[in-house]
Each structure stands twice: as C-alpha cells, then as structure tokens.
Amino acid sequence: MNVAIIGAGNVGSALSKAAVGAGHTVSVSATSPEKAAAVAAETGARPAANNVDAVTDADIVVLAVPGSAVTAVADGLAQAVSGKVVVDATNPLNATFTDLDIEETAAAQTLQRHLPDAPVVKAFNTVFAGRLSSPVEQGVPLHLFHAGDDADAKKTVSEFAASLGFQPIDAGGLRMARALEEMAFLNISLNASQGWSWQSGWALLGPTG
C-alpha cells in the first residue's frame, strides 16, 4: 500500500519504520521539511515537503499528530484526502494529560465532520510507539482495535494492521472510537502513574472466534 503518515513524532516515526519494514511505500510529513527528512532517513520513508505532498498518492493517510492539532491538520487536508482512507491514530488528551478533551461522543467523530469526503477509521491509538515494530507479546499478537462507519475503509485498515503483525479487531462503528480513546487513556495513565516501561498493550483473550 501507499501510506502517508502525517506527523513525525514517536508514533509517526515508529509507524513509518514498521510500515516500510512490512513492504509498504511510505511518505512522511512533519512540522518542518527538515524533520521529515531526518525521520525518512532513519526509516526508509519518502520525506514530504508538506502534508498535502505526503498524501498525494496515498491509499491510507495516518494522522499521528497531537490531539490538539488534529482539527487544524484535518482542515488543511480536507480536499487532498477526498476519497482516501484516513486513520485517526491520535488521542485527545487535555493540556495537563489528566483527562480527555472530547466535544462529541468520540474525538474521531469530530474529525469525521471535518473530513466529510473521506472515511475516518480510528486505529493505532491504543498501541504505544514502542510496540509498533514489536506487536507480539509472549507469542500472542497484540490486538489492533479499529472503529469506523465505512466497511471498505475498515477492511483496508485491517489488512494494513495485519501486515504489520497485529491481530485486527473490528470494534464497530465510529461511535465505538470513544471506547478506544478511553482504552488508550487508561494505558497511558497506568504507565505514567505506575512507572511502567510504556510497553504494555491490549489483547482480548478467550474464545473470540
């Protein structure tokens, strides 16, 4: 797949490396061309001059930016991502990281309003950057929960997740993105409060098939 990753922080750079390693063609953009070039050199991705350049040939566009920047980034990309699958890998943390800052049932629903011509799928937000290239724990693949209202878009995201080594789990419609945002917040809070190593991940165990 042609994958565009918007954001070159911990998640964006780790996902770039994982996606390139899985054989995908990846373009990455950042707050500056220099930052994009540095991450691209480390991961094997193509450095994009800007966000619009990054998504030009993309099948999937992954937003890996701070939650506070999502709306502005989406507004700048609305036309360029028309008809493309947009993956919301962000978490709507508030300024003090003590809660979630959500206007609607889920932050992903707000993103979908800003991108009316692109199907939004919430995914990868429950996975820490350090697990994107290490998706198996004690022989069990971490589960990649995703939620969205477009079945074809979710199928595409599921195939992408599986190619990276995750076990995709369809969590339902975009309303269920709220559950995924809360799952991510719980994992973040536990690692911060318990002094964990930011390597914990989610797997739904038991007879699920």
N, C-alpha and C. Protein backbone atom coordinates (compact mmCIF):
# COMPACT_ATOMS: atom_id res chain seq x y z
N MET A 1 0.83 -1.20 0.00
CA MET A 1 0.00 0.00 0.00
C MET A 1 0.87 1.25 0.00
N ASN A 2 0.31 2.32 -0.50
CA ASN A 2 0.94 3.63 -0.36
C ASN A 2 0.38 4.28 0.90
N VAL A 3 1.25 4.54 1.86
CA VAL A 3 0.84 5.02 3.17
C VAL A 3 1.44 6.39 3.42
N ALA A 4 0.59 7.34 3.78
CA ALA A 4 1.07 8.67 4.18
C ALA A 4 0.93 8.80 5.68
N ILE A 5 1.99 9.22 6.34
CA ILE A 5 1.96 9.41 7.78
C ILE A 5 2.18 10.88 8.07
N ILE A 6 1.16 11.49 8.66
CA ILE A 6 1.21 12.91 8.99
C ILE A 6 1.65 13.03 10.44
N GLY A 7 2.87 13.48 10.62
CA GLY A 7 3.43 13.57 11.96
C GLY A 7 4.66 12.69 12.07
N ALA A 8 5.73 13.24 12.61
CA ALA A 8 7.00 12.51 12.69
C ALA A 8 7.53 12.48 14.11
N GLY A 9 6.60 12.40 15.06
CA GLY A 9 7.00 12.23 16.46
C GLY A 9 7.24 10.76 16.75
N ASN A 10 7.07 10.36 18.01
CA ASN A 10 7.34 8.97 18.39
C ASN A 10 6.48 7.99 17.60
N VAL A 11 5.19 8.26 17.52
CA VAL A 11 4.28 7.35 16.83
C VAL A 11 4.50 7.38 15.33
N GLY A 12 4.57 8.57 14.76
CA GLY A 12 4.74 8.70 13.32
C GLY A 12 6.03 8.06 12.82
N SER A 13 7.12 8.28 13.54
CA SER A 13 8.39 7.71 13.10
C SER A 13 8.41 6.19 13.30
N ALA A 14 7.84 5.70 14.40
CA ALA A 14 7.81 4.26 14.64
C ALA A 14 6.91 3.56 13.63
N LEU A 15 5.78 4.17 13.30
CA LEU A 15 4.89 3.57 12.32
C LEU A 15 5.51 3.61 10.93
N SER A 16 6.24 4.65 10.61
CA SER A 16 6.96 4.72 9.33
C SER A 16 7.93 3.56 9.20
N LYS A 17 8.68 3.32 10.25
CA LYS A 17 9.66 2.23 10.23
C LYS A 17 8.98 0.88 10.08
N ALA A 18 7.89 0.68 10.83
CA ALA A 18 7.18 -0.60 10.78
C ALA A 18 6.56 -0.83 9.41
N ALA A 19 5.96 0.22 8.85
CA ALA A 19 5.29 0.08 7.55
C ALA A 19 6.29 -0.16 6.43
N VAL A 20 7.41 0.54 6.44
CA VAL A 20 8.45 0.30 5.44
C VAL A 20 8.97 -1.13 5.57
N GLY A 21 9.17 -1.57 6.80
CA GLY A 21 9.66 -2.92 7.03
C GLY A 21 8.70 -3.99 6.54
N ALA A 22 7.41 -3.65 6.49
CA ALA A 22 6.40 -4.60 6.02
C ALA A 22 6.20 -4.53 4.52
N GLY A 23 6.99 -3.68 3.85
CA GLY A 23 6.95 -3.62 2.39
C GLY A 23 6.06 -2.55 1.80
N HIS A 24 5.56 -1.66 2.64
CA HIS A 24 4.70 -0.59 2.13
C HIS A 24 5.55 0.60 1.65
N THR A 25 4.97 1.38 0.76
CA THR A 25 5.60 2.62 0.31
C THR A 25 5.09 3.74 1.19
N VAL A 26 5.98 4.40 1.89
CA VAL A 26 5.59 5.34 2.93
C VAL A 26 6.13 6.74 2.65
N SER A 27 5.27 7.72 2.81
CA SER A 27 5.70 9.12 2.80
C SER A 27 5.37 9.71 4.16
N VAL A 28 6.24 10.57 4.66
CA VAL A 28 6.06 11.13 5.99
C VAL A 28 6.23 12.64 5.94
N SER A 29 5.36 13.34 6.66
CA SER A 29 5.47 14.79 6.76
C SER A 29 5.59 15.18 8.22
N ALA A 30 6.12 16.36 8.45
CA ALA A 30 6.34 16.82 9.81
C ALA A 30 6.11 18.32 9.86
N THR A 31 6.35 18.91 11.02
CA THR A 31 6.17 20.35 11.17
C THR A 31 7.17 21.13 10.33
N SER A 32 8.23 20.48 9.90
CA SER A 32 9.20 21.12 9.01
C SER A 32 9.75 20.07 8.04
N PRO A 33 10.13 20.48 6.83
CA PRO A 33 10.72 19.53 5.88
C PRO A 33 11.99 18.88 6.44
N GLU A 34 12.72 19.61 7.26
CA GLU A 34 13.96 19.08 7.83
C GLU A 34 13.67 17.91 8.77
N LYS A 35 12.61 18.05 9.58
CA LYS A 35 12.24 16.97 10.49
C LYS A 35 11.76 15.75 9.69
N ALA A 36 10.97 16.00 8.64
CA ALA A 36 10.50 14.89 7.80
C ALA A 36 11.68 14.18 7.16
N ALA A 37 12.66 14.94 6.71
CA ALA A 37 13.83 14.35 6.06
C ALA A 37 14.63 13.51 7.04
N ALA A 38 14.75 13.97 8.28
CA ALA A 38 15.51 13.23 9.29
C ALA A 38 14.83 11.89 9.60
N VAL A 39 13.51 11.92 9.77
CA VAL A 39 12.79 10.69 10.08
C VAL A 39 12.81 9.75 8.88
N ALA A 40 12.66 10.30 7.69
CA ALA A 40 12.69 9.48 6.47
C ALA A 40 14.03 8.78 6.32
N ALA A 41 15.11 9.49 6.65
CA ALA A 41 16.44 8.89 6.54
C ALA A 41 16.60 7.73 7.51
N GLU A 42 15.94 7.81 8.65
CA GLU A 42 16.04 6.75 9.66
C GLU A 42 15.15 5.55 9.34
N THR A 43 14.05 5.80 8.64
CA THR A 43 13.03 4.75 8.49
C THR A 43 12.91 4.19 7.08
N GLY A 44 13.46 4.89 6.09
CA GLY A 44 13.32 4.44 4.71
C GLY A 44 12.10 4.98 4.01
N ALA A 45 11.42 5.92 4.64
CA ALA A 45 10.25 6.55 4.04
C ALA A 45 10.67 7.67 3.10
N ARG A 46 9.70 8.19 2.34
CA ARG A 46 9.96 9.36 1.49
C ARG A 46 9.62 10.61 2.29
N PRO A 47 10.54 11.57 2.37
CA PRO A 47 10.21 12.81 3.08
C PRO A 47 9.33 13.69 2.22
N ALA A 48 8.21 14.14 2.77
CA ALA A 48 7.29 15.01 2.04
C ALA A 48 7.58 16.46 2.37
N ALA A 49 7.34 17.31 1.39
CA ALA A 49 7.58 18.74 1.60
C ALA A 49 6.56 19.33 2.56
N ASN A 50 5.36 18.77 2.56
CA ASN A 50 4.29 19.24 3.44
C ASN A 50 3.22 18.15 3.51
N ASN A 51 2.16 18.42 4.25
CA ASN A 51 1.13 17.41 4.44
C ASN A 51 0.41 17.04 3.14
N VAL A 52 0.12 18.03 2.33
CA VAL A 52 -0.58 17.76 1.07
C VAL A 52 0.29 16.92 0.15
N ASP A 53 1.57 17.23 0.10
CA ASP A 53 2.50 16.44 -0.70
C ASP A 53 2.53 14.99 -0.22
N ALA A 54 2.48 14.79 1.08
CA ALA A 54 2.55 13.44 1.64
C ALA A 54 1.39 12.57 1.19
N VAL A 55 0.19 13.15 1.06
CA VAL A 55 -1.00 12.33 0.81
C VAL A 55 -1.32 12.15 -0.67
N THR A 56 -0.55 12.78 -1.56
CA THR A 56 -0.90 12.82 -2.98
C THR A 56 -1.19 11.44 -3.57
N ASP A 57 -0.34 10.48 -3.33
CA ASP A 57 -0.52 9.14 -3.92
C ASP A 57 -0.94 8.10 -2.90
N ALA A 58 -1.39 8.53 -1.75
CA ALA A 58 -1.64 7.60 -0.65
C ALA A 58 -2.96 6.85 -0.78
N ASP A 59 -2.94 5.58 -0.38
CA ASP A 59 -4.16 4.80 -0.20
C ASP A 59 -4.71 5.00 1.20
N ILE A 60 -3.80 5.09 2.15
CA ILE A 60 -4.14 5.31 3.56
C ILE A 60 -3.38 6.53 4.06
N VAL A 61 -4.08 7.38 4.80
CA VAL A 61 -3.46 8.55 5.42
C VAL A 61 -3.60 8.40 6.93
N VAL A 62 -2.48 8.34 7.63
CA VAL A 62 -2.50 8.16 9.08
C VAL A 62 -2.18 9.49 9.75
N LEU A 63 -3.10 9.95 10.60
CA LEU A 63 -2.84 11.15 11.39
C LEU A 63 -2.18 10.74 12.69
N ALA A 64 -0.93 11.13 12.86
CA ALA A 64 -0.16 10.81 14.06
C ALA A 64 0.38 12.10 14.65
N VAL A 65 -0.54 13.00 14.97
CA VAL A 65 -0.20 14.32 15.49
C VAL A 65 -0.80 14.47 16.88
N PRO A 66 -0.38 15.47 17.65
CA PRO A 66 -1.01 15.69 18.96
C PRO A 66 -2.51 15.93 18.81
N GLY A 67 -3.28 15.50 19.79
CA GLY A 67 -4.72 15.67 19.72
C GLY A 67 -5.14 17.11 19.52
N SER A 68 -4.39 18.03 20.09
CA SER A 68 -4.74 19.45 19.99
C SER A 68 -4.54 20.00 18.58
N ALA A 69 -3.81 19.27 17.73
CA ALA A 69 -3.53 19.76 16.37
C ALA A 69 -4.42 19.11 15.32
N VAL A 70 -5.24 18.15 15.70
CA VAL A 70 -5.98 17.35 14.73
C VAL A 70 -6.89 18.19 13.84
N THR A 71 -7.66 19.08 14.43
CA THR A 71 -8.63 19.86 13.66
C THR A 71 -7.94 20.71 12.60
N ALA A 72 -6.89 21.40 12.99
CA ALA A 72 -6.18 22.27 12.05
C ALA A 72 -5.55 21.45 10.93
N VAL A 73 -4.97 20.32 11.26
CA VAL A 73 -4.36 19.46 10.25
C VAL A 73 -5.43 18.94 9.30
N ALA A 74 -6.56 18.51 9.85
CA ALA A 74 -7.65 17.98 9.03
C ALA A 74 -8.20 19.04 8.09
N ASP A 75 -8.38 20.24 8.57
CA ASP A 75 -8.90 21.31 7.73
C ASP A 75 -7.96 21.60 6.56
N GLY A 76 -6.67 21.50 6.81
CA GLY A 76 -5.70 21.74 5.75
C GLY A 76 -5.62 20.62 4.74
N LEU A 77 -6.14 19.45 5.10
CA LEU A 77 -6.05 18.28 4.22
C LEU A 77 -7.38 17.86 3.62
N ALA A 78 -8.45 18.54 3.98
CA ALA A 78 -9.79 18.09 3.63
C ALA A 78 -9.95 17.79 2.15
N GLN A 79 -9.51 18.67 1.30
CA GLN A 79 -9.64 18.44 -0.15
C GLN A 79 -8.68 17.36 -0.63
N ALA A 80 -7.47 17.37 -0.13
CA ALA A 80 -6.44 16.44 -0.61
C ALA A 80 -6.73 14.99 -0.26
N VAL A 81 -7.49 14.75 0.81
CA VAL A 81 -7.75 13.36 1.22
C VAL A 81 -9.13 12.87 0.78
N SER A 82 -9.80 13.63 -0.04
CA SER A 82 -11.11 13.22 -0.53
C SER A 82 -11.04 11.82 -1.15
N GLY A 83 -11.87 10.90 -0.68
CA GLY A 83 -11.89 9.54 -1.21
C GLY A 83 -10.83 8.62 -0.65
N LYS A 84 -9.94 9.12 0.19
CA LYS A 84 -8.88 8.29 0.77
C LYS A 84 -9.29 7.83 2.17
N VAL A 85 -8.73 6.73 2.60
CA VAL A 85 -8.97 6.24 3.95
C VAL A 85 -8.09 7.01 4.93
N VAL A 86 -8.71 7.64 5.92
CA VAL A 86 -7.96 8.39 6.93
C VAL A 86 -8.00 7.63 8.25
N VAL A 87 -6.83 7.31 8.77
CA VAL A 87 -6.71 6.62 10.04
C VAL A 87 -6.42 7.64 11.13
N ASP A 88 -7.29 7.66 12.14
CA ASP A 88 -7.09 8.56 13.27
C ASP A 88 -6.35 7.80 14.36
N ALA A 89 -5.05 8.01 14.44
CA ALA A 89 -4.21 7.35 15.44
C ALA A 89 -3.95 8.26 16.63
N THR A 90 -4.71 9.34 16.74
CA THR A 90 -4.47 10.34 17.77
C THR A 90 -5.26 10.05 19.03
N ASN A 91 -4.85 10.69 20.12
CA ASN A 91 -5.59 10.62 21.38
C ASN A 91 -5.84 12.04 21.89
N PRO A 92 -7.10 12.34 22.22
CA PRO A 92 -7.48 13.72 22.57
C PRO A 92 -7.18 14.08 24.02
N LEU A 93 -5.93 13.99 24.41
CA LEU A 93 -5.54 14.33 25.78
C LEU A 93 -5.67 15.84 26.02
N ASN A 94 -6.06 16.20 27.23
CA ASN A 94 -6.13 17.63 27.53
C ASN A 94 -4.72 18.17 27.79
N ALA A 95 -4.65 19.47 28.07
CA ALA A 95 -3.35 20.14 28.17
C ALA A 95 -2.51 19.61 29.34
N THR A 96 -3.16 19.08 30.38
CA THR A 96 -2.42 18.60 31.55
C THR A 96 -2.30 17.07 31.56
N PHE A 97 -2.78 16.42 30.52
CA PHE A 97 -2.72 14.96 30.38
C PHE A 97 -3.47 14.24 31.50
N THR A 98 -4.48 14.92 32.07
CA THR A 98 -5.24 14.34 33.18
C THR A 98 -6.60 13.82 32.75
N ASP A 99 -6.99 14.08 31.51
CA ASP A 99 -8.29 13.63 31.03
C ASP A 99 -8.32 13.76 29.52
N LEU A 100 -9.44 13.36 28.94
CA LEU A 100 -9.64 13.52 27.51
C LEU A 100 -10.46 14.77 27.23
N ASP A 101 -10.15 15.44 26.14
CA ASP A 101 -10.84 16.65 25.74
C ASP A 101 -11.66 16.32 24.49
N ILE A 102 -12.93 15.99 24.69
CA ILE A 102 -13.78 15.49 23.61
C ILE A 102 -15.05 16.31 23.51
N GLU A 103 -15.38 16.77 22.29
CA GLU A 103 -16.58 17.57 22.08
C GLU A 103 -17.82 16.72 21.89
N GLU A 104 -17.65 15.58 21.21
CA GLU A 104 -18.78 14.73 20.89
C GLU A 104 -18.61 13.40 21.61
N THR A 105 -19.30 12.36 21.16
CA THR A 105 -19.13 11.06 21.80
C THR A 105 -17.68 10.61 21.71
N ALA A 106 -17.06 10.83 20.53
CA ALA A 106 -15.66 10.47 20.33
C ALA A 106 -14.96 11.57 19.54
N ALA A 107 -13.68 11.75 19.80
CA ALA A 107 -12.92 12.76 19.05
C ALA A 107 -12.89 12.40 17.57
N ALA A 108 -12.89 11.10 17.26
CA ALA A 108 -12.87 10.67 15.87
C ALA A 108 -14.11 11.12 15.11
N GLN A 109 -15.23 11.28 15.82
CA GLN A 109 -16.45 11.77 15.17
C GLN A 109 -16.28 13.24 14.78
N THR A 110 -15.61 14.01 15.61
CA THR A 110 -15.32 15.40 15.27
C THR A 110 -14.43 15.46 14.05
N LEU A 111 -13.42 14.58 14.00
CA LEU A 111 -12.54 14.53 12.84
C LEU A 111 -13.34 14.19 11.58
N GLN A 112 -14.27 13.26 11.67
CA GLN A 112 -15.06 12.89 10.51
C GLN A 112 -15.88 14.07 10.00
N ARG A 113 -16.38 14.92 10.89
CA ARG A 113 -17.11 16.11 10.46
C ARG A 113 -16.22 17.06 9.67
N HIS A 114 -14.95 17.10 10.03
CA HIS A 114 -14.02 17.99 9.34
C HIS A 114 -13.51 17.37 8.03
N LEU A 115 -13.73 16.08 7.86
CA LEU A 115 -13.32 15.39 6.63
C LEU A 115 -14.54 14.67 6.04
N PRO A 116 -15.52 15.41 5.56
CA PRO A 116 -16.78 14.79 5.12
C PRO A 116 -16.64 13.89 3.91
N ASP A 117 -15.58 14.04 3.13
CA ASP A 117 -15.41 13.26 1.90
C ASP A 117 -14.39 12.14 2.03
N ALA A 118 -13.98 11.84 3.25
CA ALA A 118 -13.01 10.77 3.48
C ALA A 118 -13.49 9.91 4.65
N PRO A 119 -13.53 8.58 4.49
CA PRO A 119 -13.93 7.74 5.61
C PRO A 119 -12.84 7.70 6.68
N VAL A 120 -13.23 8.01 7.91
CA VAL A 120 -12.30 8.01 9.04
C VAL A 120 -12.41 6.69 9.80
N VAL A 121 -11.26 6.10 10.10
CA VAL A 121 -11.20 4.88 10.91
C VAL A 121 -10.30 5.16 12.11
N LYS A 122 -10.83 4.95 13.29
CA LYS A 122 -9.99 5.08 14.49
C LYS A 122 -9.17 3.81 14.63
N ALA A 123 -7.86 3.94 14.69
CA ALA A 123 -6.98 2.77 14.79
C ALA A 123 -5.58 3.22 15.21
N PHE A 124 -4.83 2.31 15.79
CA PHE A 124 -3.44 2.50 16.21
C PHE A 124 -3.30 3.43 17.41
N ASN A 125 -4.38 4.06 17.86
CA ASN A 125 -4.25 4.95 19.02
C ASN A 125 -4.05 4.18 20.31
N THR A 126 -4.42 2.88 20.33
CA THR A 126 -4.26 2.09 21.55
C THR A 126 -2.91 1.39 21.62
N VAL A 127 -2.06 1.63 20.63
CA VAL A 127 -0.75 0.97 20.58
C VAL A 127 0.35 1.99 20.86
N PHE A 128 1.21 1.70 21.83
CA PHE A 128 2.33 2.58 22.10
C PHE A 128 3.35 2.50 20.96
N ALA A 129 4.08 3.59 20.75
CA ALA A 129 5.06 3.65 19.67
C ALA A 129 6.05 2.49 19.74
N GLY A 130 6.45 2.12 20.95
CA GLY A 130 7.44 1.08 21.12
C GLY A 130 6.97 -0.32 20.74
N ARG A 131 5.65 -0.48 20.52
CA ARG A 131 5.12 -1.79 20.14
C ARG A 131 4.79 -1.87 18.66
N LEU A 132 4.95 -0.81 17.92
CA LEU A 132 4.57 -0.83 16.51
C LEU A 132 5.45 -1.76 15.68
N SER A 133 6.69 -1.92 16.09
CA SER A 133 7.58 -2.87 15.42
C SER A 133 7.75 -4.14 16.23
N SER A 134 6.99 -4.26 17.32
CA SER A 134 7.08 -5.43 18.20
C SER A 134 5.67 -5.81 18.65
N PRO A 135 4.84 -6.29 17.71
CA PRO A 135 3.43 -6.47 18.00
C PRO A 135 3.04 -7.80 18.65
N VAL A 136 4.01 -8.57 19.11
CA VAL A 136 3.71 -9.88 19.71
C VAL A 136 4.25 -9.91 21.14
N GLU A 137 3.42 -10.37 22.08
CA GLU A 137 3.83 -10.49 23.48
C GLU A 137 3.61 -11.93 23.94
N GLN A 138 4.70 -12.60 24.30
CA GLN A 138 4.65 -13.98 24.76
C GLN A 138 3.87 -14.88 23.78
N GLY A 139 4.14 -14.66 22.52
CA GLY A 139 3.53 -15.48 21.48
C GLY A 139 2.14 -15.05 21.07
N VAL A 140 1.61 -14.02 21.70
CA VAL A 140 0.25 -13.55 21.40
C VAL A 140 0.34 -12.22 20.67
N PRO A 141 -0.21 -12.13 19.44
CA PRO A 141 -0.21 -10.85 18.74
C PRO A 141 -1.07 -9.83 19.49
N LEU A 142 -0.57 -8.63 19.63
CA LEU A 142 -1.40 -7.57 20.21
C LEU A 142 -2.58 -7.31 19.27
N HIS A 143 -3.71 -6.97 19.85
CA HIS A 143 -4.90 -6.70 19.05
C HIS A 143 -4.92 -5.24 18.61
N LEU A 144 -5.25 -5.04 17.37
CA LEU A 144 -5.36 -3.70 16.81
C LEU A 144 -6.84 -3.42 16.63
N PHE A 145 -7.41 -2.74 17.62
CA PHE A 145 -8.83 -2.41 17.58
C PHE A 145 -9.05 -1.23 16.63
N HIS A 146 -10.08 -1.33 15.81
CA HIS A 146 -10.39 -0.23 14.92
C HIS A 146 -11.90 -0.03 14.84
N ALA A 147 -12.30 1.20 14.61
CA ALA A 147 -13.72 1.55 14.57
C ALA A 147 -13.98 2.55 13.46
N GLY A 148 -15.09 2.38 12.77
CA GLY A 148 -15.43 3.30 11.68
C GLY A 148 -16.78 2.93 11.10
N ASP A 149 -17.32 3.83 10.30
CA ASP A 149 -18.64 3.63 9.72
C ASP A 149 -18.60 3.11 8.29
N ASP A 150 -17.40 3.01 7.70
CA ASP A 150 -17.27 2.56 6.31
C ASP A 150 -16.61 1.19 6.30
N ALA A 151 -17.36 0.17 5.85
CA ALA A 151 -16.85 -1.20 5.89
C ALA A 151 -15.62 -1.40 5.03
N ASP A 152 -15.60 -0.81 3.84
CA ASP A 152 -14.44 -0.97 2.96
C ASP A 152 -13.20 -0.33 3.56
N ALA A 153 -13.37 0.84 4.18
CA ALA A 153 -12.24 1.52 4.80
C ALA A 153 -11.68 0.69 5.95
N LYS A 154 -12.57 0.09 6.73
CA LYS A 154 -12.11 -0.74 7.84
C LYS A 154 -11.38 -1.98 7.33
N LYS A 155 -11.84 -2.52 6.22
CA LYS A 155 -11.17 -3.68 5.64
C LYS A 155 -9.74 -3.32 5.23
N THR A 156 -9.57 -2.15 4.64
CA THR A 156 -8.25 -1.69 4.24
C THR A 156 -7.33 -1.52 5.45
N VAL A 157 -7.86 -0.90 6.50
CA VAL A 157 -7.08 -0.70 7.72
C VAL A 157 -6.74 -2.04 8.36
N SER A 158 -7.69 -2.96 8.34
CA SER A 158 -7.45 -4.29 8.90
C SER A 158 -6.31 -5.00 8.18
N GLU A 159 -6.30 -4.91 6.86
CA GLU A 159 -5.23 -5.54 6.08
C GLU A 159 -3.88 -4.89 6.37
N PHE A 160 -3.88 -3.58 6.53
CA PHE A 160 -2.63 -2.88 6.85
C PHE A 160 -2.13 -3.30 8.23
N ALA A 161 -3.02 -3.36 9.20
CA ALA A 161 -2.63 -3.76 10.56
C ALA A 161 -2.08 -5.18 10.57
N ALA A 162 -2.75 -6.08 9.85
CA ALA A 162 -2.30 -7.48 9.80
C ALA A 162 -0.92 -7.59 9.17
N SER A 163 -0.64 -6.74 8.19
CA SER A 163 0.67 -6.79 7.52
C SER A 163 1.79 -6.40 8.47
N LEU A 164 1.47 -5.67 9.52
CA LEU A 164 2.47 -5.25 10.50
C LEU A 164 2.63 -6.28 11.62
N GLY A 165 1.75 -7.30 11.63
CA GLY A 165 1.85 -8.34 12.63
C GLY A 165 0.81 -8.28 13.73
N PHE A 166 -0.12 -7.33 13.66
CA PHE A 166 -1.18 -7.23 14.65
C PHE A 166 -2.36 -8.14 14.30
N GLN A 167 -3.19 -8.43 15.30
CA GLN A 167 -4.44 -9.14 15.07
C GLN A 167 -5.55 -8.09 15.03
N PRO A 168 -6.11 -7.79 13.86
CA PRO A 168 -7.13 -6.74 13.78
C PRO A 168 -8.44 -7.18 14.44
N ILE A 169 -9.07 -6.26 15.14
CA ILE A 169 -10.38 -6.50 15.75
C ILE A 169 -11.29 -5.33 15.39
N ASP A 170 -12.39 -5.63 14.69
CA ASP A 170 -13.36 -4.61 14.32
C ASP A 170 -14.23 -4.30 15.53
N ALA A 171 -14.10 -3.10 16.08
CA ALA A 171 -14.84 -2.71 17.28
C ALA A 171 -16.21 -2.13 16.98
N GLY A 172 -16.54 -1.95 15.69
CA GLY A 172 -17.85 -1.42 15.35
C GLY A 172 -17.78 -0.06 14.69
N GLY A 173 -18.87 0.68 14.80
CA GLY A 173 -18.97 1.99 14.17
C GLY A 173 -18.11 3.04 14.85
N LEU A 174 -18.09 4.23 14.28
CA LEU A 174 -17.21 5.29 14.77
C LEU A 174 -17.57 5.72 16.18
N ARG A 175 -18.80 5.48 16.60
CA ARG A 175 -19.15 5.79 17.97
C ARG A 175 -18.27 5.01 18.96
N MET A 176 -17.84 3.80 18.56
CA MET A 176 -17.00 2.97 19.43
C MET A 176 -15.58 3.50 19.54
N ALA A 177 -15.25 4.51 18.74
CA ALA A 177 -13.94 5.14 18.88
C ALA A 177 -13.76 5.71 20.28
N ARG A 178 -14.87 6.08 20.92
CA ARG A 178 -14.77 6.60 22.30
C ARG A 178 -14.16 5.54 23.22
N ALA A 179 -14.60 4.29 23.04
CA ALA A 179 -14.04 3.22 23.87
C ALA A 179 -12.54 3.07 23.62
N LEU A 180 -12.12 3.18 22.36
CA LEU A 180 -10.70 3.06 22.04
C LEU A 180 -9.91 4.23 22.61
N GLU A 181 -10.50 5.42 22.58
CA GLU A 181 -9.82 6.59 23.16
C GLU A 181 -9.68 6.44 24.67
N GLU A 182 -10.69 5.85 25.32
CA GLU A 182 -10.60 5.62 26.77
C GLU A 182 -9.60 4.50 27.08
N MET A 183 -9.55 3.48 26.24
CA MET A 183 -8.56 2.40 26.43
C MET A 183 -7.15 2.95 26.37
N ALA A 184 -6.91 3.83 25.41
CA ALA A 184 -5.59 4.43 25.28
C ALA A 184 -5.26 5.29 26.50
N PHE A 185 -6.24 6.06 26.96
CA PHE A 185 -6.03 6.91 28.12
C PHE A 185 -5.72 6.09 29.37
N LEU A 186 -6.42 4.96 29.53
CA LEU A 186 -6.16 4.08 30.66
C LEU A 186 -4.73 3.55 30.60
N ASN A 187 -4.29 3.09 29.44
CA ASN A 187 -2.94 2.54 29.31
C ASN A 187 -1.89 3.62 29.58
N ILE A 188 -2.13 4.81 29.05
CA ILE A 188 -1.21 5.94 29.28
C ILE A 188 -1.15 6.27 30.77
N SER A 189 -2.31 6.36 31.40
CA SER A 189 -2.37 6.72 32.82
C SER A 189 -1.68 5.69 33.70
N LEU A 190 -1.88 4.41 33.39
CA LEU A 190 -1.25 3.36 34.18
C LEU A 190 0.27 3.42 34.06
N ASN A 191 0.77 3.60 32.85
CA ASN A 191 2.22 3.66 32.67
C ASN A 191 2.82 4.87 33.36
N ALA A 192 2.10 6.00 33.31
CA ALA A 192 2.61 7.22 33.95
C ALA A 192 2.57 7.10 35.48
N SER A 193 1.50 6.55 36.02
CA SER A 193 1.34 6.50 37.48
C SER A 193 2.10 5.35 38.12
N GLN A 194 2.26 4.24 37.40
CA GLN A 194 2.90 3.06 37.97
C GLN A 194 4.38 2.95 37.63
N GLY A 195 4.87 3.86 36.80
CA GLY A 195 6.27 3.81 36.42
C GLY A 195 6.60 2.65 35.51
N TRP A 196 5.63 2.23 34.71
CA TRP A 196 5.85 1.13 33.77
C TRP A 196 6.72 1.60 32.61
N SER A 197 7.08 0.66 31.75
CA SER A 197 8.06 0.94 30.69
C SER A 197 7.44 1.31 29.34
N TRP A 198 6.15 1.60 29.30
CA TRP A 198 5.47 2.01 28.07
C TRP A 198 5.56 0.92 27.00
N GLN A 199 5.43 -0.33 27.45
CA GLN A 199 5.45 -1.47 26.54
C GLN A 199 4.18 -2.30 26.64
N SER A 200 3.25 -1.91 27.50
CA SER A 200 2.03 -2.68 27.67
C SER A 200 1.10 -2.47 26.48
N GLY A 201 0.34 -3.51 26.16
CA GLY A 201 -0.57 -3.43 25.02
C GLY A 201 -1.81 -4.25 25.27
N TRP A 202 -2.79 -4.12 24.41
CA TRP A 202 -4.08 -4.77 24.59
C TRP A 202 -4.20 -6.06 23.77
N ALA A 203 -4.73 -7.09 24.41
CA ALA A 203 -5.09 -8.32 23.71
C ALA A 203 -6.34 -8.86 24.38
N LEU A 204 -7.35 -9.16 23.61
CA LEU A 204 -8.60 -9.71 24.12
C LEU A 204 -8.49 -11.22 24.11
N LEU A 205 -8.42 -11.83 25.28
CA LEU A 205 -8.17 -13.26 25.39
C LEU A 205 -9.46 -14.03 25.61
N GLY A 206 -9.42 -15.32 25.27
CA GLY A 206 -10.60 -16.16 25.43
C GLY A 206 -11.12 -16.59 24.07
N PRO A 207 -12.22 -17.33 24.05
CA PRO A 207 -12.77 -17.82 22.77
C PRO A 207 -13.45 -16.71 22.00
N THR A 208 -12.70 -16.09 21.09
CA THR A 208 -13.24 -14.96 20.33
C THR A 208 -13.55 -15.33 18.89
N GLY A 209 -13.37 -16.57 18.50
CA GLY A 209 -13.64 -16.94 17.13
C GLY A 209 -14.43 -18.23 17.03
